Amino acid sequence: MLELSGITKNYGTHRVLDDVGFRVPDGRLTGFVGGNGAGKTTTMRIMLGVLSRDRGEVTLDGSPVTAADRRRFGYMPEERGLYPKMKVLEQIVYLARLHGFSKPEATSRARALLEELGLGERLNDNIETLSLGNQQRAQIAAALVHDPEVLILDEPFSGLDPLAVDVVAGVLQTRAAQGVGVLFSSHQLDVVERLCDDLVIIAGGTIRAAGTREGLRREHQGHRYELVSTGDAGWIRTEPGVEVVEFDGGYALFDVDADETAQRVLRRAVEHGDVASFTPRHPSLAQIFTEVIQEVAP
């Protein structure tokens, strides 16, 4: 497991990271989200040793991360960094060779990975002739070709169409199922919601929320409920302590001021007709993100 604790980074008098700490567990996908300038890329570069830190520690399985450890990491920067004049297969084979693989093994690994990412028909195309989405897939291949134990991906879904998002998501889920710890940043919160096991939210260089996807949903659930009834639920609009968000005949989405109010509404619903369902409504990750960011806004 990769872990950060107490990471602080200053540029002159400006503090860009302040006591940043979180974990990237093995075999899980960790979404790392925050607004522009929140500190995501700086944090990732410190994890990789590309940037120094002023304080704090980065550990792998409890021990300080070494240069040898980082050779077992896979990294995809937000900025594309492949050689534009090289052919796709040639580029990934070259990177595999840099990790010590023989040419036949490097070629076999690169070809299989590129086919897995949907680039099997583009192996002999120059990188610069690919669409931006296909360049992104090639960049992901570059991060994966040496079978890293930890993956750190900065905006891996940027520029991908929905089909390509599904392909890349499947590749990352496969790697996590094989025990790889995956940290990925993204502004596409719907993708994060669908993909991540754990979530880390950063704002202003500080971790504002971190935990499992379901744990954060429960923590930020509030008092919103959904009622589905075979009867007309119009009575709910006059219930004390209830604020209706959506209503349609026997369906109501509403907020309550206390758990006791929710129980009273349930009892009344049973009295008025058959209740098909009465459930707490968990917030989406986008809603949690918005709530957390608003809490710290100046």
Protein backbone atom coordinates (compact mmCIF):
# COMPACT_ATOMS: atom_id res chain seq x y z
CA MET A 1 0.00 0.00 0.00
CA LEU A 2 1.23 3.46 -0.93
CA GLU A 3 0.70 6.06 1.80
CA LEU A 4 1.33 9.78 2.20
CA SER A 5 1.52 11.47 5.59
CA GLY A 6 2.08 15.10 6.52
CA ILE A 7 3.16 16.18 3.02
CA THR A 8 3.83 19.91 2.88
CA LYS A 9 5.14 21.85 -0.10
CA ASN A 10 5.90 25.55 -0.43
CA TYR A 11 6.84 27.68 -3.41
CA GLY A 12 8.48 30.63 -1.73
CA THR A 13 5.92 32.01 0.70
CA HIS A 14 3.01 30.23 -1.02
CA ARG A 15 2.00 26.92 0.54
CA VAL A 16 0.59 24.63 -2.15
CA LEU A 17 0.24 21.47 -0.02
CA ASP A 18 -0.52 21.52 3.68
CA ASP A 19 -0.30 18.29 5.75
CA VAL A 20 -1.56 16.10 2.92
CA GLY A 21 -2.12 12.48 3.85
CA PHE A 22 -4.06 9.54 2.39
CA ARG A 23 -3.66 5.91 1.31
CA VAL A 24 -3.73 4.12 -2.02
CA PRO A 25 -4.59 0.52 -1.05
CA ASP A 26 -3.49 -2.44 -3.15
CA GLY A 27 -6.16 -3.85 -5.40
CA ARG A 28 -8.38 -0.77 -5.25
CA LEU A 29 -9.13 2.21 -7.47
CA THR A 30 -8.73 5.52 -5.66
CA GLY A 31 -10.25 8.62 -7.27
CA PHE A 32 -8.38 11.88 -6.57
CA VAL A 33 -10.52 14.93 -7.25
CA GLY A 34 -10.26 18.67 -6.77
CA GLY A 35 -10.57 21.89 -8.70
CA ASN A 36 -7.86 23.40 -10.88
CA GLY A 37 -4.89 24.38 -8.74
CA ALA A 38 -6.08 22.29 -5.78
CA GLY A 39 -2.77 20.39 -5.57
CA LYS A 40 -3.49 17.07 -7.31
CA THR A 41 -0.62 17.14 -9.82
CA THR A 42 1.86 18.45 -7.25
CA THR A 43 0.90 15.62 -4.89
CA MET A 44 1.33 13.01 -7.62
CA ARG A 45 4.73 14.37 -8.62
CA ILE A 46 5.91 14.22 -5.01
CA MET A 47 4.74 10.60 -4.80
CA LEU A 48 6.88 9.87 -7.85
CA GLY A 49 9.91 11.78 -6.61
CA VAL A 50 9.68 14.25 -9.50
CA LEU A 51 9.20 17.07 -6.97
CA SER A 52 10.75 17.38 -3.54
CA ARG A 53 8.64 17.93 -0.43
CA ASP A 54 9.35 20.28 2.46
CA ARG A 55 7.91 17.94 5.09
CA GLY A 56 6.15 14.62 5.32
CA GLU A 57 6.74 11.09 4.13
CA VAL A 58 5.77 8.79 1.26
CA THR A 59 5.84 5.09 2.17
CA LEU A 60 5.23 1.81 0.38
CA ASP A 61 4.12 -1.06 2.59
CA GLY A 62 5.29 0.91 5.62
CA SER A 63 8.81 1.76 4.40
CA PRO A 64 10.04 5.02 2.84
CA VAL A 65 9.74 4.90 -0.95
CA THR A 66 13.09 4.43 -2.69
CA ALA A 67 14.22 5.00 -6.26
CA ALA A 68 14.02 1.23 -6.80
CA ASP A 69 10.41 1.25 -5.55
CA ARG A 70 9.49 4.01 -7.99
CA ARG A 71 10.71 1.90 -10.90
CA ARG A 72 7.77 -0.36 -10.03
CA PHE A 73 5.35 2.55 -10.40
CA GLY A 74 3.47 3.42 -13.55
CA TYR A 75 2.82 7.10 -14.19
CA MET A 76 0.78 8.93 -16.78
CA PRO A 77 1.18 12.72 -16.70
CA GLU A 78 -1.62 15.02 -17.78
CA GLU A 79 0.67 16.43 -20.48
CA ARG A 80 1.32 13.95 -23.28
CA GLY A 81 4.99 13.00 -23.44
CA LEU A 82 5.40 10.46 -26.22
CA TYR A 83 7.63 10.93 -29.25
CA PRO A 84 5.34 12.21 -32.03
CA LYS A 85 7.41 10.81 -34.94
CA MET A 86 7.60 7.27 -33.56
CA LYS A 87 5.15 4.55 -34.50
CA VAL A 88 2.78 3.47 -31.74
CA LEU A 89 4.12 -0.06 -31.30
CA GLU A 90 7.72 1.08 -31.67
CA GLN A 91 7.19 3.68 -28.92
CA ILE A 92 5.73 1.24 -26.37
CA VAL A 93 8.35 -1.42 -27.20
CA TYR A 94 11.07 1.19 -26.63
CA LEU A 95 9.67 2.04 -23.20
CA ALA A 96 9.42 -1.62 -22.25
CA ARG A 97 13.08 -2.09 -23.27
CA LEU A 98 14.01 0.76 -20.93
CA HIS A 99 12.46 -1.31 -18.12
CA GLY A 100 14.79 -4.21 -18.96
CA PHE A 101 12.67 -6.45 -21.17
CA SER A 102 14.22 -8.20 -24.16
CA LYS A 103 13.09 -7.05 -27.58
CA PRO A 104 10.87 -10.13 -28.24
CA GLU A 105 9.26 -9.88 -24.79
CA ALA A 106 8.86 -6.11 -25.05
CA THR A 107 7.22 -6.49 -28.46
CA SER A 108 4.85 -9.18 -27.21
CA ARG A 109 3.85 -7.18 -24.14
CA ALA A 110 3.40 -3.93 -26.07
CA ARG A 111 1.32 -5.54 -28.80
CA ALA A 112 -1.00 -7.29 -26.30
CA LEU A 113 -1.46 -4.12 -24.25
CA LEU A 114 -2.18 -1.92 -27.25
CA GLU A 115 -4.76 -4.41 -28.51
CA GLU A 116 -6.34 -4.48 -25.04
CA LEU A 117 -6.63 -0.68 -25.23
CA GLY A 118 -8.24 -0.80 -28.66
CA LEU A 119 -5.20 0.33 -30.66
CA GLY A 120 -4.56 -2.93 -32.48
CA GLU A 121 -5.22 -1.31 -35.85
CA ARG A 122 -2.96 1.65 -35.12
CA LEU A 123 0.28 -0.15 -34.26
CA ASN A 124 2.19 1.21 -37.27
CA ASP A 125 0.76 4.73 -37.18
CA ASN A 126 2.91 7.61 -36.00
CA ILE A 127 1.85 9.00 -32.62
CA GLU A 128 1.28 12.46 -34.12
CA THR A 129 -1.28 11.12 -36.61
CA LEU A 130 -3.52 9.66 -33.91
CA SER A 131 -6.60 11.41 -32.60
CA LEU A 132 -6.20 13.00 -29.17
CA GLY A 133 -8.19 10.15 -27.62
CA ASN A 134 -5.98 7.51 -29.20
CA GLN A 135 -2.87 9.40 -28.12
CA GLN A 136 -4.29 9.22 -24.61
CA ARG A 137 -4.69 5.45 -24.90
CA ALA A 138 -1.09 5.15 -26.08
CA GLN A 139 0.01 7.25 -23.10
CA ILE A 140 -1.82 4.84 -20.79
CA ALA A 141 -0.08 1.92 -22.50
CA ALA A 142 3.25 3.59 -21.77
CA ALA A 143 2.36 3.65 -18.05
CA LEU A 144 1.28 0.00 -18.02
CA VAL A 145 3.76 -1.82 -20.24
CA HIS A 146 6.10 -2.87 -17.39
CA ASP A 147 3.27 -4.27 -15.20
CA PRO A 148 3.67 -1.74 -12.38
CA GLU A 149 2.65 -2.51 -8.80
CA VAL A 150 1.29 1.01 -8.32
CA LEU A 151 -0.41 3.15 -10.99
CA ILE A 152 -0.60 6.95 -10.74
CA LEU A 153 -2.63 8.49 -13.56
CA ASP A 154 -3.25 12.21 -13.99
CA GLU A 155 -6.51 12.74 -15.93
CA PRO A 156 -6.44 9.40 -17.81
CA PHE A 157 -9.95 9.93 -19.23
CA SER A 158 -9.31 13.38 -20.67
CA GLY A 159 -10.26 13.56 -24.35
CA LEU A 160 -11.80 10.09 -24.48
CA ASP A 161 -15.21 9.42 -25.98
CA PRO A 162 -17.66 7.28 -23.95
CA LEU A 163 -16.63 4.05 -25.66
CA ALA A 164 -12.94 4.73 -25.02
CA VAL A 165 -13.73 5.61 -21.39
CA ASP A 166 -15.30 2.18 -20.99
CA VAL A 167 -12.27 0.48 -22.55
CA VAL A 168 -9.78 2.31 -20.31
CA ALA A 169 -11.97 1.82 -17.24
CA GLY A 170 -12.04 -1.92 -17.94
CA VAL A 171 -8.25 -2.03 -18.25
CA LEU A 172 -7.82 -0.23 -14.91
CA GLN A 173 -10.37 -2.46 -13.18
CA THR A 174 -8.51 -5.51 -14.46
CA ARG A 175 -5.23 -4.21 -13.05
CA ALA A 176 -6.84 -3.46 -9.68
CA ALA A 177 -8.31 -6.99 -9.62
CA GLN A 178 -4.74 -8.24 -10.06
CA GLY A 179 -3.69 -6.41 -6.88
CA VAL A 180 -2.38 -3.13 -8.32
CA GLY A 181 -3.08 0.03 -6.33
CA VAL A 182 -4.47 2.65 -8.73
CA LEU A 183 -4.68 6.39 -8.06
CA PHE A 184 -6.30 8.47 -10.78
CA SER A 185 -7.36 12.08 -10.94
CA SER A 186 -10.28 13.22 -13.05
CA HIS A 187 -12.64 16.13 -13.51
CA GLN A 188 -15.26 13.71 -14.83
CA LEU A 189 -17.05 12.99 -11.57
CA ASP A 190 -19.52 10.60 -13.19
CA VAL A 191 -16.60 8.41 -14.24
CA VAL A 192 -15.04 8.64 -10.78
CA GLU A 193 -18.37 7.63 -9.23
CA ARG A 194 -18.68 4.59 -11.46
CA LEU A 195 -15.08 3.46 -11.15
CA CYS A 196 -13.56 4.30 -7.79
CA ASP A 197 -13.56 2.18 -4.63
CA ASP A 198 -12.13 5.04 -2.58
CA LEU A 199 -12.23 8.81 -2.96
CA VAL A 200 -9.89 11.62 -1.92
CA ILE A 201 -11.04 15.25 -2.24
CA ILE A 202 -8.42 18.01 -2.12
CA ALA A 203 -9.01 21.76 -2.05
CA GLY A 204 -6.56 24.56 -1.39
CA GLY A 205 -3.73 22.08 -0.91
CA THR A 206 -5.50 20.28 1.96
CA ILE A 207 -7.33 16.97 2.03
CA ARG A 208 -10.96 17.80 2.76
CA ALA A 209 -12.50 14.33 2.62
CA ALA A 210 -11.21 10.78 2.16
CA GLY A 211 -12.73 7.34 2.50
CA THR A 212 -14.53 4.58 0.71
CA ARG A 213 -17.15 5.57 -1.84
CA GLU A 214 -20.01 4.12 0.20
CA GLY A 215 -18.61 5.43 3.48
CA LEU A 216 -18.51 8.99 2.16
CA ARG A 217 -22.04 8.63 0.82
CA ARG A 218 -23.29 7.57 4.24
CA GLU A 219 -21.33 10.34 5.95
CA HIS A 220 -22.84 13.00 3.69
CA GLN A 221 -26.27 11.43 3.37
CA GLY A 222 -28.08 14.07 5.38
CA HIS A 223 -31.82 13.55 5.73
CA ARG A 224 -33.05 12.95 2.19
CA TYR A 225 -35.52 10.14 1.53
CA GLU A 226 -37.39 8.62 -1.38
CA LEU A 227 -40.96 7.35 -1.08
CA VAL A 228 -42.65 5.20 -3.71
CA SER A 229 -46.28 4.44 -2.93
CA THR A 230 -49.27 3.03 -4.80
CA GLY A 231 -51.40 5.81 -3.30
CA ASP A 232 -51.36 9.56 -3.88
CA ALA A 233 -48.54 11.02 -1.76
CA GLY A 234 -49.73 14.62 -2.08
CA TRP A 235 -50.29 14.80 1.68
CA ILE A 236 -46.51 14.82 2.19
CA ARG A 237 -46.31 18.43 1.00
CA THR A 238 -48.07 19.64 4.16
CA GLU A 239 -46.14 17.50 6.63
CA PRO A 240 -44.26 19.57 9.28
CA GLY A 241 -40.48 19.31 9.00
CA VAL A 242 -40.60 18.08 5.39
CA GLU A 243 -39.26 19.87 2.31
CA VAL A 244 -40.31 18.22 -0.95
CA VAL A 245 -37.61 18.15 -3.65
CA GLU A 246 -39.49 16.15 -6.31
CA PHE A 247 -43.09 14.95 -6.45
CA ASP A 248 -45.16 12.93 -8.92
CA GLY A 249 -48.32 11.23 -7.67
CA GLY A 250 -47.12 8.31 -5.59
CA TYR A 251 -43.46 9.32 -5.81
CA ALA A 252 -41.78 11.85 -3.53
CA LEU A 253 -38.18 12.85 -2.94
CA PHE A 254 -37.90 14.96 0.19
CA ASP A 255 -35.68 16.27 2.98
CA VAL A 256 -36.60 16.02 6.66
CA ASP A 257 -35.39 17.98 9.66
CA ALA A 258 -34.80 14.89 11.84
CA ASP A 259 -34.86 11.09 11.79
CA GLU A 260 -38.05 11.19 13.86
CA THR A 261 -39.76 13.13 11.08
CA ALA A 262 -38.77 10.47 8.56
CA GLN A 263 -40.30 7.77 10.76
CA ARG A 264 -43.51 9.79 11.10
CA VAL A 265 -43.70 10.18 7.31
CA LEU A 266 -43.27 6.43 6.89
CA ARG A 267 -46.10 5.70 9.31
CA ARG A 268 -48.40 8.12 7.49
CA ALA A 269 -47.44 6.63 4.14
CA VAL A 270 -48.45 3.19 5.37
CA GLU A 271 -51.78 4.63 6.52
CA HIS A 272 -52.44 6.27 3.12
CA GLY A 273 -51.66 3.29 0.91
CA ASP A 274 -49.27 0.47 0.07
CA VAL A 275 -45.63 1.53 0.34
CA ALA A 276 -43.50 0.04 -2.42
CA SER A 277 -40.30 1.51 -1.00
CA PHE A 278 -39.06 4.03 1.54
CA THR A 279 -35.31 4.53 1.43
CA PRO A 280 -32.63 7.06 2.34
CA ARG A 281 -31.24 8.73 -0.78
CA HIS A 282 -27.45 8.62 -0.92
CA PRO A 283 -25.78 11.65 -2.52
CA SER A 284 -23.73 11.31 -5.69
CA LEU A 285 -19.99 11.92 -5.55
CA ALA A 286 -20.57 15.14 -7.50
CA GLN A 287 -22.91 16.32 -4.74
CA ILE A 288 -20.42 15.34 -2.04
CA PHE A 289 -17.63 17.15 -3.89
CA THR A 290 -19.74 20.29 -4.23
CA GLU A 291 -20.73 20.17 -0.56
CA VAL A 292 -17.15 19.72 0.63
CA ILE A 293 -15.79 22.49 -1.58
CA GLN A 294 -18.55 24.89 -0.50
CA GLU A 295 -17.74 24.20 3.13
CA VAL A 296 -14.20 25.50 2.67
CA ALA A 297 -14.91 28.31 0.20
CA PRO A 298 -13.80 31.73 1.53
